[in-house]
Amino acid sequence: MEENIILSMLVKNEVGVLTRVSGLFARRGFNIGSLSVGEAEDSKISRITIVTQGDEYIKDQIIKQLEKLHDVIIVDALDAKKIVMRELVLIKVKVESGKRSELLEAASIFRAKVIDLTPAFLTLEITGEKTKCDAFIEYLSSYNITELVRTGASAIQRGSAKLRDKPETQKEDGE
């Protein structure tokens, strides 16, 4: 049965790493539903969160292939029940006269923030789980959305759990 696969990995923060990771997905015919990349605690390392679809076999294959990339320090599939996952969405809406207060009320209900305001446009920021972001976008669809940007999911394990510590030297010694 296909389900969401949430992968978290630490990679060397170097030129071309994202190309190699995404290229692996393309060559193997795996779709990337969401991708988020940013510097980790150490500026020499980036953390990548990828959400894709597949069964247990596909998940294992993706992990095995990613582990072969020399830039990948650690990769792990996260258990959706043991993580906190959020997405950021920026939405620009053209505001018709008389509709501004309606939009501001909706933003308040969804706990979205107004981050830019002009006489004709309102830009909103919402963070949360994908379902919350999707619901807010759906609500705003009856308005004039002129631009929308999504970051993709970022996830971290709850409590003291973290990606397994794996010394970089193991990868360099031919692991």
C-alpha atoms as a PDB file:
ATOM      1  CA  MET A   1       0.000   0.000   0.000  1.00  0.00           C
ATOM      2  CA  GLU A   2       1.384   3.399  -1.001  1.00  0.00           C
ATOM      3  CA  GLU A   3       1.734   5.956   1.741  1.00  0.00           C
ATOM      4  CA  ASN A   4       3.746   9.065   2.491  1.00  0.00           C
ATOM      5  CA  ILE A   5       7.422   8.412   3.033  1.00  0.00           C
ATOM      6  CA  ILE A   6       9.092  11.168   5.034  1.00  0.00           C
ATOM      7  CA  LEU A   7      12.854  11.139   4.615  1.00  0.00           C
ATOM      8  CA  SER A   8      15.236  13.254   6.635  1.00  0.00           C
ATOM      9  CA  MET A   9      18.902  13.415   5.795  1.00  0.00           C
ATOM     10  CA  LEU A  10      22.046  15.252   6.653  1.00  0.00           C
ATOM     11  CA  VAL A  11      24.280  16.004   3.679  1.00  0.00           C
ATOM     12  CA  LYS A  12      27.502  17.887   3.071  1.00  0.00           C
ATOM     13  CA  ASN A  13      26.711  21.539   2.390  1.00  0.00           C
ATOM     14  CA  GLU A  14      28.467  21.626  -0.974  1.00  0.00           C
ATOM     15  CA  VAL A  15      27.717  22.585  -4.561  1.00  0.00           C
ATOM     16  CA  GLY A  16      25.790  19.940  -6.501  1.00  0.00           C
ATOM     17  CA  VAL A  17      24.470  17.881  -3.581  1.00  0.00           C
ATOM     18  CA  LEU A  18      20.827  18.715  -4.248  1.00  0.00           C
ATOM     19  CA  THR A  19      21.301  17.908  -7.941  1.00  0.00           C
ATOM     20  CA  ARG A  20      22.687  14.482  -7.073  1.00  0.00           C
ATOM     21  CA  VAL A  21      19.871  13.753  -4.598  1.00  0.00           C
ATOM     22  CA  SER A  22      17.082  14.920  -6.907  1.00  0.00           C
ATOM     23  CA  GLY A  23      18.765  13.229  -9.872  1.00  0.00           C
ATOM     24  CA  LEU A  24      18.667   9.924  -8.034  1.00  0.00           C
ATOM     25  CA  PHE A  25      14.896  10.313  -7.594  1.00  0.00           C
ATOM     26  CA  ALA A  26      14.479  11.162 -11.288  1.00  0.00           C
ATOM     27  CA  ARG A  27      16.609   8.237 -12.521  1.00  0.00           C
ATOM     28  CA  ARG A  28      14.700   5.770 -10.354  1.00  0.00           C
ATOM     29  CA  GLY A  29      11.289   7.203 -11.287  1.00  0.00           C
ATOM     30  CA  PHE A  30      10.400   8.344  -7.763  1.00  0.00           C
ATOM     31  CA  ASN A  31       8.366  11.537  -7.462  1.00  0.00           C
ATOM     32  CA  ILE A  32       9.276  14.196  -4.910  1.00  0.00           C
ATOM     33  CA  GLY A  33       6.045  15.525  -3.406  1.00  0.00           C
ATOM     34  CA  SER A  34       7.799  17.986  -1.103  1.00  0.00           C
ATOM     35  CA  LEU A  35      11.390  19.087  -0.666  1.00  0.00           C
ATOM     36  CA  SER A  36      12.887  21.340   1.983  1.00  0.00           C
ATOM     37  CA  VAL A  37      16.589  22.133   2.343  1.00  0.00           C
ATOM     38  CA  GLY A  38      18.491  24.332   4.749  1.00  0.00           C
ATOM     39  CA  GLU A  39      21.640  24.634   6.797  1.00  0.00           C
ATOM     40  CA  ALA A  40      21.794  22.434   9.903  1.00  0.00           C
ATOM     41  CA  GLU A  41      23.357  23.337  13.270  1.00  0.00           C
ATOM     42  CA  ASP A  42      26.778  23.103  11.609  1.00  0.00           C
ATOM     43  CA  SER A  43      27.103  25.323   8.513  1.00  0.00           C
ATOM     44  CA  LYS A  44      29.078  22.562   6.758  1.00  0.00           C
ATOM     45  CA  ILE A  45      25.973  20.356   6.830  1.00  0.00           C
ATOM     46  CA  SER A  46      22.520  20.792   5.305  1.00  0.00           C
ATOM     47  CA  ARG A  47      19.347  19.013   6.308  1.00  0.00           C
ATOM     48  CA  ILE A  48      17.007  17.804   3.579  1.00  0.00           C
ATOM     49  CA  THR A  49      13.434  16.713   4.188  1.00  0.00           C
ATOM     50  CA  ILE A  50      11.751  14.888   1.307  1.00  0.00           C
ATOM     51  CA  VAL A  51       8.189  13.616   1.196  1.00  0.00           C
ATOM     52  CA  THR A  52       7.452  10.993  -1.444  1.00  0.00           C
ATOM     53  CA  GLN A  53       5.004   8.137  -1.979  1.00  0.00           C
ATOM     54  CA  GLY A  54       5.581   4.407  -1.910  1.00  0.00           C
ATOM     55  CA  ASP A  55       5.388   1.160  -0.048  1.00  0.00           C
ATOM     56  CA  GLU A  56       7.925  -0.410   2.318  1.00  0.00           C
ATOM     57  CA  TYR A  57       9.983  -1.832  -0.574  1.00  0.00           C
ATOM     58  CA  ILE A  58      10.232   1.543  -2.322  1.00  0.00           C
ATOM     59  CA  LYS A  59      11.164   3.246   0.964  1.00  0.00           C
ATOM     60  CA  ASP A  60      13.987   0.745   1.516  1.00  0.00           C
ATOM     61  CA  GLN A  61      15.216   1.149  -2.077  1.00  0.00           C
ATOM     62  CA  ILE A  62      15.288   4.949  -1.850  1.00  0.00           C
ATOM     63  CA  ILE A  63      17.199   4.846   1.437  1.00  0.00           C
ATOM     64  CA  LYS A  64      19.735   2.316   0.084  1.00  0.00           C
ATOM     65  CA  GLN A  65      20.325   4.430  -3.025  1.00  0.00           C
ATOM     66  CA  LEU A  66      20.669   7.674  -1.059  1.00  0.00           C
ATOM     67  CA  GLU A  67      23.147   6.054   1.338  1.00  0.00           C
ATOM     68  CA  LYS A  68      25.395   5.307  -1.659  1.00  0.00           C
ATOM     69  CA  LEU A  69      25.788   9.004  -2.474  1.00  0.00           C
ATOM     70  CA  HIS A  70      29.109  10.247  -1.074  1.00  0.00           C
ATOM     71  CA  ASP A  71      27.519  13.559   0.011  1.00  0.00           C
ATOM     72  CA  VAL A  72      24.914  11.894   2.236  1.00  0.00           C
ATOM     73  CA  ILE A  73      26.017  11.624   5.847  1.00  0.00           C
ATOM     74  CA  ILE A  74      22.833  10.030   7.188  1.00  0.00           C
ATOM     75  CA  VAL A  75      19.367   9.315   5.837  1.00  0.00           C
ATOM     76  CA  ASP A  76      16.396   7.944   7.727  1.00  0.00           C
ATOM     77  CA  ALA A  77      12.678   7.483   7.185  1.00  0.00           C
ATOM     78  CA  LEU A  78      10.702   9.270   9.880  1.00  0.00           C
ATOM     79  CA  ASP A  79       7.656   7.808  11.605  1.00  0.00           C
ATOM     80  CA  ALA A  80       4.814  10.281  11.014  1.00  0.00           C
ATOM     81  CA  LYS A  81       3.477   9.575  14.505  1.00  0.00           C
ATOM     82  CA  LYS A  82       6.757  10.570  16.165  1.00  0.00           C
ATOM     83  CA  ILE A  83       7.548  13.846  14.429  1.00  0.00           C
ATOM     84  CA  VAL A  84       6.537  17.462  14.231  1.00  0.00           C
ATOM     85  CA  MET A  85       6.105  18.516  10.606  1.00  0.00           C
ATOM     86  CA  ARG A  86       5.324  22.004   9.347  1.00  0.00           C
ATOM     87  CA  GLU A  87       5.092  23.898   6.105  1.00  0.00           C
ATOM     88  CA  LEU A  88       5.189  27.610   5.350  1.00  0.00           C
ATOM     89  CA  VAL A  89       2.906  29.158   2.729  1.00  0.00           C
ATOM     90  CA  LEU A  90       2.936  32.739   1.467  1.00  0.00           C
ATOM     91  CA  ILE A  91      -0.240  33.833  -0.330  1.00  0.00           C
ATOM     92  CA  LYS A  92      -0.812  37.116  -2.136  1.00  0.00           C
ATOM     93  CA  VAL A  93      -4.470  38.031  -2.616  1.00  0.00           C
ATOM     94  CA  LYS A  94      -5.873  40.907  -4.651  1.00  0.00           C
ATOM     95  CA  VAL A  95      -8.341  42.542  -2.288  1.00  0.00           C
ATOM     96  CA  GLU A  96     -11.624  43.856  -3.611  1.00  0.00           C
ATOM     97  CA  SER A  97     -13.048  46.827  -1.773  1.00  0.00           C
ATOM     98  CA  GLY A  98     -15.161  45.693   1.152  1.00  0.00           C
ATOM     99  CA  LYS A  99     -13.514  42.227   1.359  1.00  0.00           C
ATOM    100  CA  ARG A 100     -10.452  43.185   3.440  1.00  0.00           C
ATOM    101  CA  SER A 101     -12.139  42.651   6.837  1.00  0.00           C
ATOM    102  CA  GLU A 102     -13.422  39.235   5.678  1.00  0.00           C
ATOM    103  CA  LEU A 103      -9.891  38.184   4.742  1.00  0.00           C
ATOM    104  CA  LEU A 104      -8.447  39.496   7.995  1.00  0.00           C
ATOM    105  CA  GLU A 105     -11.059  37.547   9.970  1.00  0.00           C
ATOM    106  CA  ALA A 106     -10.234  34.352   8.061  1.00  0.00           C
ATOM    107  CA  ALA A 107      -6.519  34.951   8.670  1.00  0.00           C
ATOM    108  CA  SER A 108      -7.224  35.265  12.386  1.00  0.00           C
ATOM    109  CA  ILE A 109      -9.239  32.039  12.471  1.00  0.00           C
ATOM    110  CA  PHE A 110      -6.487  30.113  10.647  1.00  0.00           C
ATOM    111  CA  ARG A 111      -3.776  31.855  12.700  1.00  0.00           C
ATOM    112  CA  ALA A 112      -2.227  33.299   9.560  1.00  0.00           C
ATOM    113  CA  LYS A 113      -0.233  36.518   9.660  1.00  0.00           C
ATOM    114  CA  VAL A 114      -0.494  39.547   7.433  1.00  0.00           C
ATOM    115  CA  ILE A 115       3.054  40.226   6.266  1.00  0.00           C
ATOM    116  CA  ASP A 116       2.412  42.839   3.591  1.00  0.00           C
ATOM    117  CA  LEU A 117      -0.465  45.206   3.015  1.00  0.00           C
ATOM    118  CA  THR A 118      -1.156  47.633   0.186  1.00  0.00           C
ATOM    119  CA  PRO A 119      -4.440  49.222  -0.861  1.00  0.00           C
ATOM    120  CA  ALA A 120      -4.949  46.514  -3.517  1.00  0.00           C
ATOM    121  CA  PHE A 121      -3.089  43.472  -2.146  1.00  0.00           C
ATOM    122  CA  LEU A 122      -2.782  41.473   1.051  1.00  0.00           C
ATOM    123  CA  THR A 123       0.068  38.990   1.579  1.00  0.00           C
ATOM    124  CA  LEU A 124      -0.503  36.316   4.198  1.00  0.00           C
ATOM    125  CA  GLU A 125       1.807  33.815   5.872  1.00  0.00           C
ATOM    126  CA  ILE A 126       0.546  30.552   7.321  1.00  0.00           C
ATOM    127  CA  THR A 127       2.550  27.781   8.937  1.00  0.00           C
ATOM    128  CA  GLY A 128       1.323  24.400  10.035  1.00  0.00           C
ATOM    129  CA  GLU A 129       0.604  20.903   8.914  1.00  0.00           C
ATOM    130  CA  LYS A 130      -0.132  20.371   5.241  1.00  0.00           C
ATOM    131  CA  THR A 131      -3.846  19.840   5.893  1.00  0.00           C
ATOM    132  CA  LYS A 132      -4.150  23.198   7.655  1.00  0.00           C
ATOM    133  CA  CYS A 133      -2.307  24.998   4.848  1.00  0.00           C
ATOM    134  CA  ASP A 134      -4.432  23.228   2.225  1.00  0.00           C
ATOM    135  CA  ALA A 135      -7.640  24.210   4.055  1.00  0.00           C
ATOM    136  CA  PHE A 136      -6.591  27.871   4.171  1.00  0.00           C
ATOM    137  CA  ILE A 137      -5.704  27.865   0.473  1.00  0.00           C
ATOM    138  CA  GLU A 138      -9.046  26.216  -0.302  1.00  0.00           C
ATOM    139  CA  TYR A 139     -10.853  28.890   1.707  1.00  0.00           C
ATOM    140  CA  LEU A 140      -8.999  31.653  -0.151  1.00  0.00           C
ATOM    141  CA  SER A 141      -9.679  30.093  -3.565  1.00  0.00           C
ATOM    142  CA  SER A 142     -12.924  32.070  -3.841  1.00  0.00           C
ATOM    143  CA  TYR A 143     -10.837  35.257  -3.607  1.00  0.00           C
ATOM    144  CA  ASN A 144      -8.324  36.414  -6.188  1.00  0.00           C
ATOM    145  CA  ILE A 145      -5.072  34.586  -5.271  1.00  0.00           C
ATOM    146  CA  THR A 146      -2.409  36.153  -7.482  1.00  0.00           C
ATOM    147  CA  GLU A 147       0.637  34.328  -6.120  1.00  0.00           C
ATOM    148  CA  LEU A 148       1.304  31.385  -3.839  1.00  0.00           C
ATOM    149  CA  VAL A 149       4.616  29.996  -2.549  1.00  0.00           C
ATOM    150  CA  ARG A 150       5.039  26.814  -0.472  1.00  0.00           C
ATOM    151  CA  THR A 151       8.250  25.812   1.265  1.00  0.00           C
ATOM    152  CA  GLY A 152       7.628  22.098   1.400  1.00  0.00           C
ATOM    153  CA  ALA A 153       7.525  20.118   4.607  1.00  0.00           C
ATOM    154  CA  SER A 154      10.175  20.399   7.308  1.00  0.00           C
ATOM    155  CA  ALA A 155      10.159  17.707   9.968  1.00  0.00           C
ATOM    156  CA  ILE A 156      11.938  16.944  13.206  1.00  0.00           C
ATOM    157  CA  GLN A 157      11.526  14.075  15.621  1.00  0.00           C
ATOM    158  CA  ARG A 158       9.742  14.654  18.907  1.00  0.00           C
ATOM    159  CA  GLY A 159      11.527  14.716  22.245  1.00  0.00           C
ATOM    160  CA  SER A 160      15.163  13.685  22.489  1.00  0.00           C
ATOM    161  CA  ALA A 161      15.097  11.536  19.330  1.00  0.00           C
ATOM    162  CA  LYS A 162      17.316  12.714  16.455  1.00  0.00           C
ATOM    163  CA  LEU A 163      18.873  11.394  13.303  1.00  0.00           C
ATOM    164  CA  ARG A 164      21.315   8.667  14.216  1.00  0.00           C
ATOM    165  CA  ASP A 165      24.811   9.919  14.747  1.00  0.00           C
ATOM    166  CA  LYS A 166      26.994   8.479  12.016  1.00  0.00           C
ATOM    167  CA  PRO A 167      30.598   9.625  11.790  1.00  0.00           C
ATOM    168  CA  GLU A 168      31.413  11.240   8.442  1.00  0.00           C
ATOM    169  CA  THR A 169      34.666   9.289   8.323  1.00  0.00           C
ATOM    170  CA  GLN A 170      32.737   6.055   7.746  1.00  0.00           C
ATOM    171  CA  LYS A 171      31.399   7.492   4.467  1.00  0.00           C
ATOM    172  CA  GLU A 172      34.849   8.664   3.411  1.00  0.00           C
ATOM    173  CA  ASP A 173      36.459   5.276   4.183  1.00  0.00           C
ATOM    174  CA  GLY A 174      34.320   3.573   1.556  1.00  0.00           C
ATOM    175  CA  GLU A 175      31.126   2.700   3.379  1.00  0.00           C
END
